[in-house]
Amino acid sequence: MKIIINEMRDWMVFLIILTVSLYSVLMVGILAKLQDKRAMQVVQFLRGNKAYSAKQKQQQYKELIATR
């Protein structure tokens, strides 16, 4: 009987973790579609793109213009 209860507890923990993970991924995706700045940075980071701030982009542009 104790084995069955332990297995059920393991499945419940797994189900809770899976539910929270799925909810988090969906919320970040929805917020990114709604142009939320933080969510878009998370999505860019996960895709491998570097998330630059406006100052970093401006500095990079100035360096590009200076090299021409």
C-alpha atoms as a PDB file:
ATOM      1  CA  MET A   1       0.000   0.000   0.000  1.00  0.00           C
ATOM      2  CA  LYS A   2       2.835   2.393   0.833  1.00  0.00           C
ATOM      3  CA  ILE A   3       4.430   1.736  -2.551  1.00  0.00           C
ATOM      4  CA  ILE A   4       1.245   2.740  -4.366  1.00  0.00           C
ATOM      5  CA  ILE A   5       0.962   5.945  -2.328  1.00  0.00           C
ATOM      6  CA  ASN A   6       4.608   6.833  -3.026  1.00  0.00           C
ATOM      7  CA  GLU A   7       4.125   6.264  -6.759  1.00  0.00           C
ATOM      8  CA  MET A   8       1.008   8.436  -6.770  1.00  0.00           C
ATOM      9  CA  ARG A   9       2.905  11.179  -4.944  1.00  0.00           C
ATOM     10  CA  ASP A  10       5.701  11.014  -7.532  1.00  0.00           C
ATOM     11  CA  TRP A  11       3.193  11.322 -10.367  1.00  0.00           C
ATOM     12  CA  MET A  12       1.471  14.265  -8.693  1.00  0.00           C
ATOM     13  CA  VAL A  13       4.769  16.130  -8.261  1.00  0.00           C
ATOM     14  CA  PHE A  14       5.626  15.442 -11.911  1.00  0.00           C
ATOM     15  CA  LEU A  15       2.184  16.650 -13.015  1.00  0.00           C
ATOM     16  CA  ILE A  16       2.488  19.862 -10.986  1.00  0.00           C
ATOM     17  CA  ILE A  17       5.940  20.626 -12.409  1.00  0.00           C
ATOM     18  CA  LEU A  18       4.702  19.919 -15.930  1.00  0.00           C
ATOM     19  CA  THR A  19       1.657  22.170 -15.452  1.00  0.00           C
ATOM     20  CA  VAL A  20       3.699  25.083 -14.097  1.00  0.00           C
ATOM     21  CA  SER A  21       6.243  24.750 -16.908  1.00  0.00           C
ATOM     22  CA  LEU A  22       3.567  24.669 -19.594  1.00  0.00           C
ATOM     23  CA  TYR A  23       1.778  27.668 -18.082  1.00  0.00           C
ATOM     24  CA  SER A  24       5.034  29.650 -17.934  1.00  0.00           C
ATOM     25  CA  VAL A  25       5.937  28.908 -21.540  1.00  0.00           C
ATOM     26  CA  LEU A  26       2.465  29.844 -22.748  1.00  0.00           C
ATOM     27  CA  MET A  27       2.413  33.104 -20.761  1.00  0.00           C
ATOM     28  CA  VAL A  28       5.821  34.188 -22.055  1.00  0.00           C
ATOM     29  CA  GLY A  29       4.712  33.378 -25.601  1.00  0.00           C
ATOM     30  CA  ILE A  30       1.472  35.330 -25.261  1.00  0.00           C
ATOM     31  CA  LEU A  31       3.195  38.310 -23.654  1.00  0.00           C
ATOM     32  CA  ALA A  32       5.855  38.314 -26.381  1.00  0.00           C
ATOM     33  CA  LYS A  33       3.124  38.427 -29.030  1.00  0.00           C
ATOM     34  CA  LEU A  34       1.637  41.409 -27.184  1.00  0.00           C
ATOM     35  CA  GLN A  35       5.025  43.177 -27.452  1.00  0.00           C
ATOM     36  CA  ASP A  36       5.942  42.933 -23.764  1.00  0.00           C
ATOM     37  CA  LYS A  37       9.587  43.999 -23.535  1.00  0.00           C
ATOM     38  CA  ARG A  38      10.709  41.473 -20.912  1.00  0.00           C
ATOM     39  CA  ALA A  39       8.953  38.559 -22.561  1.00  0.00           C
ATOM     40  CA  MET A  40      10.461  39.471 -25.927  1.00  0.00           C
ATOM     41  CA  GLN A  41      13.927  39.519 -24.348  1.00  0.00           C
ATOM     42  CA  VAL A  42      13.338  36.053 -22.890  1.00  0.00           C
ATOM     43  CA  VAL A  43      12.227  34.717 -26.264  1.00  0.00           C
ATOM     44  CA  GLN A  44      15.222  36.295 -28.008  1.00  0.00           C
ATOM     45  CA  PHE A  45      17.560  34.828 -25.399  1.00  0.00           C
ATOM     46  CA  LEU A  46      16.061  31.356 -25.787  1.00  0.00           C
ATOM     47  CA  ARG A  47      16.369  31.564 -29.573  1.00  0.00           C
ATOM     48  CA  GLY A  48      20.032  32.439 -29.221  1.00  0.00           C
ATOM     49  CA  ASN A  49      19.731  36.062 -30.267  1.00  0.00           C
ATOM     50  CA  LYS A  50      21.459  38.613 -28.130  1.00  0.00           C
ATOM     51  CA  ALA A  51      19.039  40.928 -26.362  1.00  0.00           C
ATOM     52  CA  TYR A  52      20.600  44.385 -26.543  1.00  0.00           C
ATOM     53  CA  SER A  53      19.424  47.478 -24.783  1.00  0.00           C
ATOM     54  CA  ALA A  54      18.746  50.673 -26.712  1.00  0.00           C
ATOM     55  CA  LYS A  55      22.090  52.152 -25.583  1.00  0.00           C
ATOM     56  CA  GLN A  56      23.981  49.099 -26.761  1.00  0.00           C
ATOM     57  CA  LYS A  57      22.266  49.247 -30.151  1.00  0.00           C
ATOM     58  CA  GLN A  58      23.046  52.952 -30.473  1.00  0.00           C
ATOM     59  CA  GLN A  59      26.694  52.376 -29.565  1.00  0.00           C
ATOM     60  CA  GLN A  60      26.937  49.530 -32.063  1.00  0.00           C
ATOM     61  CA  TYR A  61      25.426  51.756 -34.774  1.00  0.00           C
ATOM     62  CA  LYS A  62      27.910  54.553 -33.996  1.00  0.00           C
ATOM     63  CA  GLU A  63      30.802  52.105 -34.265  1.00  0.00           C
ATOM     64  CA  LEU A  64      29.489  50.849 -37.589  1.00  0.00           C
ATOM     65  CA  ILE A  65      29.190  54.370 -38.983  1.00  0.00           C
ATOM     66  CA  ALA A  66      32.660  55.304 -37.660  1.00  0.00           C
ATOM     67  CA  THR A  67      34.283  52.363 -39.447  1.00  0.00           C
ATOM     68  CA  ARG A  68      32.808  53.439 -42.785  1.00  0.00           C
END
